[in-house]
Protein backbone atom coordinates (compact mmCIF):
# COMPACT_ATOMS: atom_id res chain seq x y z
CA MET A 1 8.22 -19.27 6.96
CA LEU A 2 9.06 -19.80 3.08
CA GLY A 3 5.18 -19.46 2.53
CA THR A 4 4.91 -16.84 5.02
CA LEU A 5 7.51 -14.81 2.75
CA VAL A 6 5.67 -15.72 -1.05
CA ASN A 7 2.19 -14.27 0.93
CA LEU A 8 3.96 -11.25 2.29
CA VAL A 9 5.24 -10.68 -1.97
CA VAL A 10 2.09 -11.38 -3.61
CA TYR A 11 0.13 -9.07 -0.88
CA LEU A 12 2.63 -6.17 -1.80
CA ILE A 13 3.15 -7.14 -5.43
CA VAL A 14 -1.25 -6.75 -5.17
CA ALA A 15 -0.67 -3.61 -3.33
CA GLY A 16 1.88 -1.73 -5.61
CA VAL A 17 -0.47 -2.94 -9.41
CA ILE A 18 -3.13 -1.03 -6.97
CA VAL A 19 -1.41 2.24 -5.96
CA GLY A 20 0.01 2.18 -9.34
CA LEU A 21 -3.54 2.63 -10.70
CA LEU A 22 -4.41 5.19 -8.58
CA LEU A 23 -1.14 7.17 -9.65
CA TYR A 24 -1.60 6.84 -12.98
CA LEU A 25 -5.53 8.09 -12.20
CA VAL A 26 -4.49 11.00 -10.34
CA ARG A 27 -1.93 11.91 -12.84
CA ILE A 28 -4.38 11.88 -16.24
CA SER A 29 -7.19 13.74 -14.06
CA PRO A 30 -8.22 16.81 -14.78
CA VAL A 31 -7.93 17.95 -11.31
CA PRO A 32 -5.51 21.14 -11.55
CA GLU A 33 -2.53 21.22 -10.06
CA PRO A 34 -2.22 21.65 -6.59
CA TRP A 35 -4.40 19.47 -5.93
CA LYS A 36 -2.87 16.81 -7.88
CA GLY A 37 0.38 17.13 -6.11
CA TRP A 38 -1.86 16.34 -2.86
CA LEU A 39 -3.66 13.35 -4.36
CA TRP A 40 -0.25 11.78 -5.50
CA PHE A 41 1.29 12.99 -2.01
CA LEU A 42 -2.07 11.45 -0.06
CA VAL A 43 -1.60 8.03 -2.31
CA MET A 44 1.76 7.85 -1.91
CA ALA A 45 1.61 8.29 2.05
CA ILE A 46 -0.85 5.73 2.35
CA ALA A 47 1.14 2.73 0.11
CA VAL A 48 4.26 3.44 2.65
CA LEU A 49 1.69 2.77 5.70
CA ILE A 50 0.40 -0.27 4.04
CA VAL A 51 4.42 -1.84 3.28
CA ILE A 52 4.95 -0.55 7.25
CA TYR A 53 1.93 -2.21 7.65
CA ALA A 54 2.58 -5.17 6.19
CA LEU A 55 6.86 -5.28 7.36
CA LEU A 56 5.66 -5.30 10.87
CA SER A 57 3.00 -8.19 10.52
CA LEU A 58 5.52 -10.46 9.30
CA LEU A 59 6.93 -9.59 12.41
CA GLY A 60 4.00 -10.22 14.31
CA GLY A 61 3.33 -6.90 15.14
CA GLY A 62 1.08 -4.45 13.48
CA VAL A 63 -2.16 -3.22 14.32
CA GLY A 64 -4.97 -5.75 14.69
CA GLY A 65 -8.21 -3.62 14.31
CA ILE A 66 -7.08 -2.42 10.69
CA ALA A 67 -8.36 -5.64 8.01
CA LEU A 68 -5.62 -6.61 6.30
CA PRO A 69 -4.49 -9.79 6.15
CA HIS A 70 -1.93 -11.08 9.27
CA PHE A 71 1.11 -13.32 8.64
CA LYS A 72 2.20 -15.99 10.73
């Protein structure tokens, strides 16, 4: 169980770094403001879905068709 929690924490840290880099790229991009807000929202929505999937896979649930690691 401890190994599963360590894997989950590492997975969420890596996902957080990737989401942070995507948000940074959205912030510095030359995209006009209405689209920039929608891009920021899209990145955050995907990040929330990744966190929900990781927590569900920790409980043994989750969606089997998505190519994310399954924690046991």
